Amino acid sequence: MTSTDVLLYERRGPSAWITLNRPDKLNALSHALRDALAAALTRAEADDEVRVVVLTGAGRAFSAGYDLSEEAQGDLGTAEQWRRELADDVDVTMQLWRLPKPTICLVRGWCLAGGLETAMAADILLCTPDARFGEPEIRYGSGPVTLLMPYVLGQRLTRELLLTGDTIDAETALRAGLVNRIVPADELEAEASRLVARIAPTPLAVLKLTKMALNRAYLCMGLAEAVEANLDLSAVLNAAGTPEQEEFDRIVRADGLKAGLAWRDRRYGEVLGALGLEG
């Protein structure tokens, strides 16, 4: 095993296991973690002994998404600045999607925002019964960075999740086709290892060509163009400077991310209360 401060890389026979390693931050995707993930994927791709890549998160969550504390403290004002920043995020997610080797993602607990986009970029997704999935960015004035969800979940559920910021549980994710199967937490890694054992005997050239064919089917449906168009719109969205965006960032800078998220949740709780739906 080799590691950085934020990521672990381990060879297990014909597989490379990559672990997001910021458990105290629910594996929030900081710049350092994003860059370490890109380097790990490059390493796994270059190693011909690796047939399958397994991606997971340390602790009680896969990932809570991009590190909002970094964003709030940053000096990103214009759409041009935001586009440069978001392009780096998109590049890593699509690097995983394009990886010419089969990929398996293991999800425990929260899998949100950029974390969910990362998970959706994998070929196979296994989760534990406590997993929860969603892209709540709209609730603090942002949006999905890598627009993969319509190609994974279809239009109706995607629109509901992205317009409300709601999350779904593991059973709903299974019915919707987001995950392949739900596995008890103490069996998750063993199930991944069984999948590796079923995939790895296939010649690497055959695996690569099969995955290329599958990816090209999505490219024919316009996935690459949709991701690129969303990047442009996301840059404009994040630079919109709405009062709600500015207040969220102000609270995070002054009092920390937990305070900012509490302010966000109170806003939506107040709406539900006014409609007589709270609780």
C-alpha atoms as a PDB file:
ATOM      1  CA  MET A   1       0.000   0.000   0.000  1.00  0.00           C
ATOM      2  CA  THR A   2       1.100   3.544  -0.722  1.00  0.00           C
ATOM      3  CA  SER A   3      -0.607   6.675   0.492  1.00  0.00           C
ATOM      4  CA  THR A   4      -0.749  10.412   0.567  1.00  0.00           C
ATOM      5  CA  ASP A   5      -2.354  12.387   3.359  1.00  0.00           C
ATOM      6  CA  VAL A   6      -5.718  12.132   1.637  1.00  0.00           C
ATOM      7  CA  LEU A   7      -5.701   8.965  -0.489  1.00  0.00           C
ATOM      8  CA  LEU A   8      -4.645   5.326  -0.168  1.00  0.00           C
ATOM      9  CA  TYR A   9      -3.537   3.152  -3.108  1.00  0.00           C
ATOM     10  CA  GLU A  10      -3.227  -0.598  -2.731  1.00  0.00           C
ATOM     11  CA  ARG A  11      -2.571  -3.446  -5.164  1.00  0.00           C
ATOM     12  CA  ARG A  12      -4.614  -6.556  -4.419  1.00  0.00           C
ATOM     13  CA  GLY A  13      -3.690  -9.148  -7.034  1.00  0.00           C
ATOM     14  CA  PRO A  14      -5.153  -8.028 -10.374  1.00  0.00           C
ATOM     15  CA  SER A  15      -6.919  -5.015  -8.857  1.00  0.00           C
ATOM     16  CA  ALA A  16      -5.972  -1.572  -7.615  1.00  0.00           C
ATOM     17  CA  TRP A  17      -7.907  -0.322  -4.594  1.00  0.00           C
ATOM     18  CA  ILE A  18      -8.153   3.459  -4.268  1.00  0.00           C
ATOM     19  CA  THR A  19      -9.520   4.835  -0.998  1.00  0.00           C
ATOM     20  CA  LEU A  20     -10.574   8.439  -0.440  1.00  0.00           C
ATOM     21  CA  ASN A  21      -9.020   9.096   2.953  1.00  0.00           C
ATOM     22  CA  ARG A  22     -10.522  12.166   4.656  1.00  0.00           C
ATOM     23  CA  PRO A  23     -12.935  10.344   6.979  1.00  0.00           C
ATOM     24  CA  ASP A  24     -13.152  13.256   9.416  1.00  0.00           C
ATOM     25  CA  LYS A  25     -14.474  15.408   6.535  1.00  0.00           C
ATOM     26  CA  LEU A  26     -16.709  12.671   5.094  1.00  0.00           C
ATOM     27  CA  ASN A  27     -14.125  12.403   2.284  1.00  0.00           C
ATOM     28  CA  ALA A  28     -15.006  15.829   0.928  1.00  0.00           C
ATOM     29  CA  LEU A  29     -13.195  16.338  -2.370  1.00  0.00           C
ATOM     30  CA  SER A  30     -10.586  18.970  -1.603  1.00  0.00           C
ATOM     31  CA  HIS A  31      -8.163  20.142  -4.267  1.00  0.00           C
ATOM     32  CA  ALA A  32      -5.515  17.855  -2.791  1.00  0.00           C
ATOM     33  CA  LEU A  33      -7.804  14.826  -2.824  1.00  0.00           C
ATOM     34  CA  ARG A  34      -9.026  15.579  -6.351  1.00  0.00           C
ATOM     35  CA  ASP A  35      -5.440  15.783  -7.629  1.00  0.00           C
ATOM     36  CA  ALA A  36      -4.408  12.643  -5.727  1.00  0.00           C
ATOM     37  CA  LEU A  37      -7.329  10.750  -7.265  1.00  0.00           C
ATOM     38  CA  ALA A  38      -6.276  11.849 -10.748  1.00  0.00           C
ATOM     39  CA  ALA A  39      -2.730  10.627 -10.095  1.00  0.00           C
ATOM     40  CA  ALA A  40      -3.981   7.295  -8.723  1.00  0.00           C
ATOM     41  CA  LEU A  41      -6.177   6.694 -11.772  1.00  0.00           C
ATOM     42  CA  THR A  42      -3.238   7.467 -14.056  1.00  0.00           C
ATOM     43  CA  ARG A  43      -1.110   5.008 -12.106  1.00  0.00           C
ATOM     44  CA  ALA A  44      -3.729   2.258 -12.301  1.00  0.00           C
ATOM     45  CA  GLU A  45      -4.205   2.783 -16.031  1.00  0.00           C
ATOM     46  CA  ALA A  46      -0.466   2.514 -16.704  1.00  0.00           C
ATOM     47  CA  ASP A  47      -0.071  -0.740 -14.738  1.00  0.00           C
ATOM     48  CA  ASP A  48      -0.805  -3.662 -17.083  1.00  0.00           C
ATOM     49  CA  GLU A  49      -1.053  -6.001 -14.093  1.00  0.00           C
ATOM     50  CA  VAL A  50      -4.154  -4.105 -12.965  1.00  0.00           C
ATOM     51  CA  ARG A  51      -7.317  -5.414 -14.623  1.00  0.00           C
ATOM     52  CA  VAL A  52      -9.913  -3.795 -12.327  1.00  0.00           C
ATOM     53  CA  VAL A  53      -9.954  -0.595 -10.264  1.00  0.00           C
ATOM     54  CA  VAL A  54     -11.964  -0.452  -7.024  1.00  0.00           C
ATOM     55  CA  LEU A  55     -12.801   2.970  -5.567  1.00  0.00           C
ATOM     56  CA  THR A  56     -14.095   3.440  -2.031  1.00  0.00           C
ATOM     57  CA  GLY A  57     -14.093   5.882   0.870  1.00  0.00           C
ATOM     58  CA  ALA A  58     -12.675   5.583   4.369  1.00  0.00           C
ATOM     59  CA  GLY A  59     -14.978   5.829   7.372  1.00  0.00           C
ATOM     60  CA  ARG A  60     -18.733   6.238   7.396  1.00  0.00           C
ATOM     61  CA  ALA A  61     -19.239   7.920   4.017  1.00  0.00           C
ATOM     62  CA  PHE A  62     -18.114   7.548   0.440  1.00  0.00           C
ATOM     63  CA  SER A  63     -17.963  11.307  -0.124  1.00  0.00           C
ATOM     64  CA  ALA A  64     -20.023  14.346   0.831  1.00  0.00           C
ATOM     65  CA  GLY A  65     -18.986  16.091  -2.388  1.00  0.00           C
ATOM     66  CA  TYR A  66     -16.617  18.932  -3.165  1.00  0.00           C
ATOM     67  CA  ASP A  67     -15.090  20.749  -0.223  1.00  0.00           C
ATOM     68  CA  LEU A  68     -17.377  23.757   0.235  1.00  0.00           C
ATOM     69  CA  SER A  69     -15.059  25.298   2.802  1.00  0.00           C
ATOM     70  CA  GLU A  70     -12.354  25.623   0.147  1.00  0.00           C
ATOM     71  CA  GLU A  71     -14.822  27.116  -2.303  1.00  0.00           C
ATOM     72  CA  ALA A  72     -16.133  29.659   0.200  1.00  0.00           C
ATOM     73  CA  GLN A  73     -12.612  30.739   1.130  1.00  0.00           C
ATOM     74  CA  GLY A  74     -11.520  30.983  -2.501  1.00  0.00           C
ATOM     75  CA  ASP A  75     -11.391  34.048  -4.706  1.00  0.00           C
ATOM     76  CA  LEU A  76     -13.745  32.930  -7.453  1.00  0.00           C
ATOM     77  CA  GLY A  77     -15.937  35.713  -8.700  1.00  0.00           C
ATOM     78  CA  THR A  78     -16.299  35.638 -12.469  1.00  0.00           C
ATOM     79  CA  ALA A  79     -17.744  32.922 -14.662  1.00  0.00           C
ATOM     80  CA  GLU A  80     -14.330  32.574 -16.322  1.00  0.00           C
ATOM     81  CA  GLN A  81     -12.665  31.892 -12.969  1.00  0.00           C
ATOM     82  CA  TRP A  82     -15.356  29.422 -11.993  1.00  0.00           C
ATOM     83  CA  ARG A  83     -15.066  27.602 -15.323  1.00  0.00           C
ATOM     84  CA  ARG A  84     -11.345  27.025 -14.829  1.00  0.00           C
ATOM     85  CA  GLU A  85     -11.973  25.683 -11.320  1.00  0.00           C
ATOM     86  CA  LEU A  86     -14.896  23.463 -12.294  1.00  0.00           C
ATOM     87  CA  ALA A  87     -13.088  22.134 -15.371  1.00  0.00           C
ATOM     88  CA  ASP A  88     -10.508  20.507 -13.085  1.00  0.00           C
ATOM     89  CA  ASP A  89     -13.326  18.769 -11.190  1.00  0.00           C
ATOM     90  CA  VAL A  90     -14.962  17.568 -14.415  1.00  0.00           C
ATOM     91  CA  ASP A  91     -11.643  16.310 -15.765  1.00  0.00           C
ATOM     92  CA  VAL A  92     -11.107  13.925 -12.844  1.00  0.00           C
ATOM     93  CA  THR A  93     -14.660  12.562 -12.963  1.00  0.00           C
ATOM     94  CA  MET A  94     -14.435  11.972 -16.699  1.00  0.00           C
ATOM     95  CA  GLN A  95     -10.967  10.459 -16.276  1.00  0.00           C
ATOM     96  CA  LEU A  96     -12.638   7.783 -14.151  1.00  0.00           C
ATOM     97  CA  TRP A  97     -15.469   7.406 -16.690  1.00  0.00           C
ATOM     98  CA  ARG A  98     -12.991   7.030 -19.579  1.00  0.00           C
ATOM     99  CA  LEU A  99     -10.604   4.715 -17.708  1.00  0.00           C
ATOM    100  CA  PRO A 100     -10.081   1.807 -20.136  1.00  0.00           C
ATOM    101  CA  LYS A 101     -10.333  -0.774 -17.352  1.00  0.00           C
ATOM    102  CA  PRO A 102     -13.443  -1.893 -15.460  1.00  0.00           C
ATOM    103  CA  THR A 103     -14.159   0.140 -12.339  1.00  0.00           C
ATOM    104  CA  ILE A 104     -16.144  -0.756  -9.229  1.00  0.00           C
ATOM    105  CA  CYS A 105     -17.312   1.825  -6.714  1.00  0.00           C
ATOM    106  CA  LEU A 106     -18.179   0.894  -3.121  1.00  0.00           C
ATOM    107  CA  VAL A 107     -20.494   3.290  -1.292  1.00  0.00           C
ATOM    108  CA  ARG A 108     -21.122   3.421   2.430  1.00  0.00           C
ATOM    109  CA  GLY A 109     -23.255   6.159   3.951  1.00  0.00           C
ATOM    110  CA  TRP A 110     -23.420   9.543   2.251  1.00  0.00           C
ATOM    111  CA  CYS A 111     -22.704   9.846  -1.461  1.00  0.00           C
ATOM    112  CA  LEU A 112     -23.517  13.411  -2.432  1.00  0.00           C
ATOM    113  CA  ALA A 113     -22.874  16.062  -5.077  1.00  0.00           C
ATOM    114  CA  GLY A 114     -19.397  15.640  -6.583  1.00  0.00           C
ATOM    115  CA  GLY A 115     -19.084  12.390  -4.663  1.00  0.00           C
ATOM    116  CA  LEU A 116     -22.160  11.030  -6.415  1.00  0.00           C
ATOM    117  CA  GLU A 117     -20.865  12.227  -9.784  1.00  0.00           C
ATOM    118  CA  THR A 118     -17.639  10.338  -9.088  1.00  0.00           C
ATOM    119  CA  ALA A 119     -19.561   7.199  -8.134  1.00  0.00           C
ATOM    120  CA  MET A 120     -21.774   7.431 -11.230  1.00  0.00           C
ATOM    121  CA  ALA A 121     -18.628   7.498 -13.397  1.00  0.00           C
ATOM    122  CA  ALA A 122     -17.768   3.947 -12.307  1.00  0.00           C
ATOM    123  CA  ASP A 123     -18.928   0.891 -14.254  1.00  0.00           C
ATOM    124  CA  ILE A 124     -20.374  -1.033 -11.298  1.00  0.00           C
ATOM    125  CA  LEU A 125     -21.684   0.406  -8.045  1.00  0.00           C
ATOM    126  CA  LEU A 126     -22.231  -1.553  -4.837  1.00  0.00           C
ATOM    127  CA  CYS A 127     -23.619   0.063  -1.701  1.00  0.00           C
ATOM    128  CA  THR A 128     -24.503  -0.704   1.897  1.00  0.00           C
ATOM    129  CA  PRO A 129     -28.088  -0.495   3.210  1.00  0.00           C
ATOM    130  CA  ASP A 130     -27.384   2.868   4.899  1.00  0.00           C
ATOM    131  CA  ALA A 131     -26.222   4.571   1.695  1.00  0.00           C
ATOM    132  CA  ARG A 132     -27.903   7.809   0.650  1.00  0.00           C
ATOM    133  CA  PHE A 133     -27.506   9.512  -2.698  1.00  0.00           C
ATOM    134  CA  GLY A 134     -28.255  13.000  -3.952  1.00  0.00           C
ATOM    135  CA  GLU A 135     -27.095  16.284  -5.396  1.00  0.00           C
ATOM    136  CA  PRO A 136     -28.268  18.963  -2.931  1.00  0.00           C
ATOM    137  CA  GLU A 137     -26.260  21.760  -4.579  1.00  0.00           C
ATOM    138  CA  ILE A 138     -29.319  23.745  -5.664  1.00  0.00           C
ATOM    139  CA  ARG A 139     -30.063  24.462  -2.002  1.00  0.00           C
ATOM    140  CA  TYR A 140     -26.976  26.661  -1.683  1.00  0.00           C
ATOM    141  CA  GLY A 141     -26.995  28.131  -5.158  1.00  0.00           C
ATOM    142  CA  SER A 142     -24.884  25.678  -7.097  1.00  0.00           C
ATOM    143  CA  GLY A 143     -25.477  22.715  -9.378  1.00  0.00           C
ATOM    144  CA  PRO A 144     -24.025  19.421 -10.601  1.00  0.00           C
ATOM    145  CA  VAL A 145     -20.541  19.863 -12.021  1.00  0.00           C
ATOM    146  CA  THR A 146     -20.434  16.738 -14.207  1.00  0.00           C
ATOM    147  CA  LEU A 147     -23.888  16.114 -15.619  1.00  0.00           C
ATOM    148  CA  LEU A 148     -23.959  12.304 -15.699  1.00  0.00           C
ATOM    149  CA  MET A 149     -27.224  11.773 -13.850  1.00  0.00           C
ATOM    150  CA  PRO A 150     -29.602  11.949 -16.857  1.00  0.00           C
ATOM    151  CA  TYR A 151     -27.641   9.135 -18.499  1.00  0.00           C
ATOM    152  CA  VAL A 152     -27.751   6.985 -15.360  1.00  0.00           C
ATOM    153  CA  LEU A 153     -31.214   7.667 -13.923  1.00  0.00           C
ATOM    154  CA  GLY A 154     -33.172   9.058 -16.857  1.00  0.00           C
ATOM    155  CA  GLN A 155     -34.971  12.385 -17.081  1.00  0.00           C
ATOM    156  CA  ARG A 156     -37.812  12.139 -14.548  1.00  0.00           C
ATOM    157  CA  LEU A 157     -35.913  11.139 -11.423  1.00  0.00           C
ATOM    158  CA  THR A 158     -32.969  13.344 -12.415  1.00  0.00           C
ATOM    159  CA  ARG A 159     -35.217  16.396 -12.662  1.00  0.00           C
ATOM    160  CA  GLU A 160     -36.828  15.660  -9.305  1.00  0.00           C
ATOM    161  CA  LEU A 161     -33.493  15.221  -7.532  1.00  0.00           C
ATOM    162  CA  LEU A 162     -31.734  18.197  -9.092  1.00  0.00           C
ATOM    163  CA  LEU A 163     -34.652  20.617  -8.708  1.00  0.00           C
ATOM    164  CA  THR A 164     -35.454  19.687  -5.100  1.00  0.00           C
ATOM    165  CA  GLY A 165     -32.011  18.801  -3.754  1.00  0.00           C
ATOM    166  CA  ASP A 166     -33.560  15.727  -2.128  1.00  0.00           C
ATOM    167  CA  THR A 167     -31.697  12.479  -1.449  1.00  0.00           C
ATOM    168  CA  ILE A 168     -32.729   8.865  -2.022  1.00  0.00           C
ATOM    169  CA  ASP A 169     -31.997   5.750   0.022  1.00  0.00           C
ATOM    170  CA  ALA A 170     -30.291   2.563  -1.103  1.00  0.00           C
ATOM    171  CA  GLU A 171     -33.493   0.706  -2.009  1.00  0.00           C
ATOM    172  CA  THR A 172     -34.714   3.583  -4.178  1.00  0.00           C
ATOM    173  CA  ALA A 173     -31.292   3.803  -5.815  1.00  0.00           C
ATOM    174  CA  LEU A 174     -31.427   0.077  -6.581  1.00  0.00           C
ATOM    175  CA  ARG A 175     -34.890   0.320  -8.161  1.00  0.00           C
ATOM    176  CA  ALA A 176     -33.783   3.326 -10.194  1.00  0.00           C
ATOM    177  CA  GLY A 177     -30.730   1.536 -11.570  1.00  0.00           C
ATOM    178  CA  LEU A 178     -28.198   3.762  -9.840  1.00  0.00           C
ATOM    179  CA  VAL A 179     -26.622   0.830  -7.973  1.00  0.00           C
ATOM    180  CA  ASN A 180     -26.101  -2.779  -9.017  1.00  0.00           C
ATOM    181  CA  ARG A 181     -26.785  -4.284  -5.624  1.00  0.00           C
ATOM    182  CA  ILE A 182     -27.046  -3.599  -1.904  1.00  0.00           C
ATOM    183  CA  VAL A 183     -24.576  -5.522   0.244  1.00  0.00           C
ATOM    184  CA  PRO A 184     -24.261  -5.728   4.055  1.00  0.00           C
ATOM    185  CA  ALA A 185     -21.432  -3.495   5.255  1.00  0.00           C
ATOM    186  CA  ASP A 186     -19.320  -6.372   6.545  1.00  0.00           C
ATOM    187  CA  GLU A 187     -19.533  -8.125   3.157  1.00  0.00           C
ATOM    188  CA  LEU A 188     -18.967  -5.143   0.869  1.00  0.00           C
ATOM    189  CA  GLU A 189     -15.254  -5.618   0.197  1.00  0.00           C
ATOM    190  CA  ALA A 190     -15.645  -9.374  -0.170  1.00  0.00           C
ATOM    191  CA  GLU A 191     -18.374  -8.856  -2.765  1.00  0.00           C
ATOM    192  CA  ALA A 192     -16.105  -6.463  -4.656  1.00  0.00           C
ATOM    193  CA  SER A 193     -13.305  -9.029  -4.539  1.00  0.00           C
ATOM    194  CA  ARG A 194     -15.655 -11.665  -5.970  1.00  0.00           C
ATOM    195  CA  LEU A 195     -16.480  -9.341  -8.857  1.00  0.00           C
ATOM    196  CA  VAL A 196     -12.790  -8.699  -9.448  1.00  0.00           C
ATOM    197  CA  ALA A 197     -12.198 -12.466  -9.574  1.00  0.00           C
ATOM    198  CA  ARG A 198     -14.924 -12.837 -12.218  1.00  0.00           C
ATOM    199  CA  ILE A 199     -13.646  -9.963 -14.369  1.00  0.00           C
ATOM    200  CA  ALA A 200      -9.861 -10.292 -14.098  1.00  0.00           C
ATOM    201  CA  PRO A 201      -9.358 -13.581 -16.075  1.00  0.00           C
ATOM    202  CA  THR A 202     -10.554 -11.839 -19.245  1.00  0.00           C
ATOM    203  CA  PRO A 203      -7.624 -10.600 -21.379  1.00  0.00           C
ATOM    204  CA  LEU A 204      -6.935  -6.919 -20.780  1.00  0.00           C
ATOM    205  CA  ALA A 205      -7.305  -6.069 -24.473  1.00  0.00           C
ATOM    206  CA  VAL A 206     -10.796  -7.602 -24.482  1.00  0.00           C
ATOM    207  CA  LEU A 207     -11.812  -5.690 -21.351  1.00  0.00           C
ATOM    208  CA  LYS A 208     -10.572  -2.426 -22.836  1.00  0.00           C
ATOM    209  CA  LEU A 209     -12.374  -2.906 -26.153  1.00  0.00           C
ATOM    210  CA  THR A 210     -15.605  -3.906 -24.419  1.00  0.00           C
ATOM    211  CA  LYS A 211     -15.532  -0.840 -22.211  1.00  0.00           C
ATOM    212  CA  MET A 212     -14.681   1.339 -25.201  1.00  0.00           C
ATOM    213  CA  ALA A 213     -17.772   0.042 -26.994  1.00  0.00           C
ATOM    214  CA  LEU A 214     -19.973   0.739 -23.972  1.00  0.00           C
ATOM    215  CA  ASN A 215     -18.606   4.263 -23.587  1.00  0.00           C
ATOM    216  CA  ARG A 216     -19.009   5.003 -27.278  1.00  0.00           C
ATOM    217  CA  ALA A 217     -22.684   4.123 -27.031  1.00  0.00           C
ATOM    218  CA  TYR A 218     -23.075   6.929 -24.488  1.00  0.00           C
ATOM    219  CA  LEU A 219     -20.965   9.286 -26.573  1.00  0.00           C
ATOM    220  CA  CYS A 220     -23.328   8.651 -29.489  1.00  0.00           C
ATOM    221  CA  MET A 221     -26.159   9.767 -27.177  1.00  0.00           C
ATOM    222  CA  GLY A 222     -24.367  13.083 -26.634  1.00  0.00           C
ATOM    223  CA  LEU A 223     -22.885  12.540 -23.166  1.00  0.00           C
ATOM    224  CA  ALA A 224     -19.643  14.422 -23.858  1.00  0.00           C
ATOM    225  CA  GLU A 225     -21.473  17.401 -25.354  1.00  0.00           C
ATOM    226  CA  ALA A 226     -23.910  17.476 -22.418  1.00  0.00           C
ATOM    227  CA  VAL A 227     -21.063  17.455 -19.893  1.00  0.00           C
ATOM    228  CA  GLU A 228     -19.274  20.273 -21.737  1.00  0.00           C
ATOM    229  CA  ALA A 229     -22.433  22.377 -22.045  1.00  0.00           C
ATOM    230  CA  ASN A 230     -23.187  21.890 -18.356  1.00  0.00           C
ATOM    231  CA  LEU A 231     -19.674  23.028 -17.463  1.00  0.00           C
ATOM    232  CA  ASP A 232     -20.304  26.334 -19.208  1.00  0.00           C
ATOM    233  CA  LEU A 233     -23.665  26.795 -17.490  1.00  0.00           C
ATOM    234  CA  SER A 234     -22.299  25.744 -14.102  1.00  0.00           C
ATOM    235  CA  ALA A 235     -19.669  28.456 -14.333  1.00  0.00           C
ATOM    236  CA  VAL A 236     -22.373  31.069 -14.974  1.00  0.00           C
ATOM    237  CA  LEU A 237     -24.566  29.611 -12.207  1.00  0.00           C
ATOM    238  CA  ASN A 238     -21.808  29.704  -9.591  1.00  0.00           C
ATOM    239  CA  ALA A 239     -20.893  33.262 -10.560  1.00  0.00           C
ATOM    240  CA  ALA A 240     -24.508  34.474 -10.386  1.00  0.00           C
ATOM    241  CA  GLY A 241     -23.950  36.124  -7.012  1.00  0.00           C
ATOM    242  CA  THR A 242     -27.495  35.692  -5.708  1.00  0.00           C
ATOM    243  CA  PRO A 243     -28.177  36.946  -2.175  1.00  0.00           C
ATOM    244  CA  GLU A 244     -28.578  33.343  -1.005  1.00  0.00           C
ATOM    245  CA  GLN A 245     -25.209  32.296  -2.464  1.00  0.00           C
ATOM    246  CA  GLU A 246     -23.474  35.257  -0.885  1.00  0.00           C
ATOM    247  CA  GLU A 247     -25.083  34.692   2.508  1.00  0.00           C
ATOM    248  CA  PHE A 248     -24.148  31.004   2.506  1.00  0.00           C
ATOM    249  CA  ASP A 249     -20.528  31.828   1.659  1.00  0.00           C
ATOM    250  CA  ARG A 250     -20.445  34.585   4.286  1.00  0.00           C
ATOM    251  CA  ILE A 251     -21.636  32.239   7.015  1.00  0.00           C
ATOM    252  CA  VAL A 252     -19.167  29.522   5.989  1.00  0.00           C
ATOM    253  CA  ARG A 253     -16.274  32.002   6.040  1.00  0.00           C
ATOM    254  CA  ALA A 254     -17.302  33.452   9.383  1.00  0.00           C
ATOM    255  CA  ASP A 255     -18.633  30.446  11.294  1.00  0.00           C
ATOM    256  CA  GLY A 256     -17.672  27.308   9.355  1.00  0.00           C
ATOM    257  CA  LEU A 257     -19.359  24.879   7.009  1.00  0.00           C
ATOM    258  CA  LYS A 258     -21.649  23.324   9.639  1.00  0.00           C
ATOM    259  CA  ALA A 259     -23.166  26.736  10.340  1.00  0.00           C
ATOM    260  CA  GLY A 260     -23.659  27.344   6.626  1.00  0.00           C
ATOM    261  CA  LEU A 261     -25.391  24.020   6.146  1.00  0.00           C
ATOM    262  CA  ALA A 262     -27.590  24.635   9.199  1.00  0.00           C
ATOM    263  CA  TRP A 263     -28.649  27.989   7.687  1.00  0.00           C
ATOM    264  CA  ARG A 264     -29.457  26.238   4.404  1.00  0.00           C
ATOM    265  CA  ASP A 265     -31.491  23.537   6.134  1.00  0.00           C
ATOM    266  CA  ARG A 266     -33.441  26.097   8.165  1.00  0.00           C
ATOM    267  CA  ARG A 267     -34.468  27.876   4.969  1.00  0.00           C
ATOM    268  CA  TYR A 268     -35.959  24.709   3.518  1.00  0.00           C
ATOM    269  CA  GLY A 269     -37.481  23.702   6.832  1.00  0.00           C
ATOM    270  CA  GLU A 270     -39.232  27.066   6.984  1.00  0.00           C
ATOM    271  CA  VAL A 271     -40.740  26.494   3.542  1.00  0.00           C
ATOM    272  CA  LEU A 272     -42.057  23.085   4.567  1.00  0.00           C
ATOM    273  CA  GLY A 273     -43.442  24.542   7.768  1.00  0.00           C
ATOM    274  CA  ALA A 274     -45.295  27.272   5.885  1.00  0.00           C
ATOM    275  CA  LEU A 275     -46.911  24.593   3.738  1.00  0.00           C
ATOM    276  CA  GLY A 276     -47.908  22.566   6.786  1.00  0.00           C
ATOM    277  CA  LEU A 277     -45.596  19.708   5.723  1.00  0.00           C
ATOM    278  CA  GLU A 278     -42.865  19.921   8.316  1.00  0.00           C
ATOM    279  CA  GLY A 279     -42.207  16.584  10.005  1.00  0.00           C
END
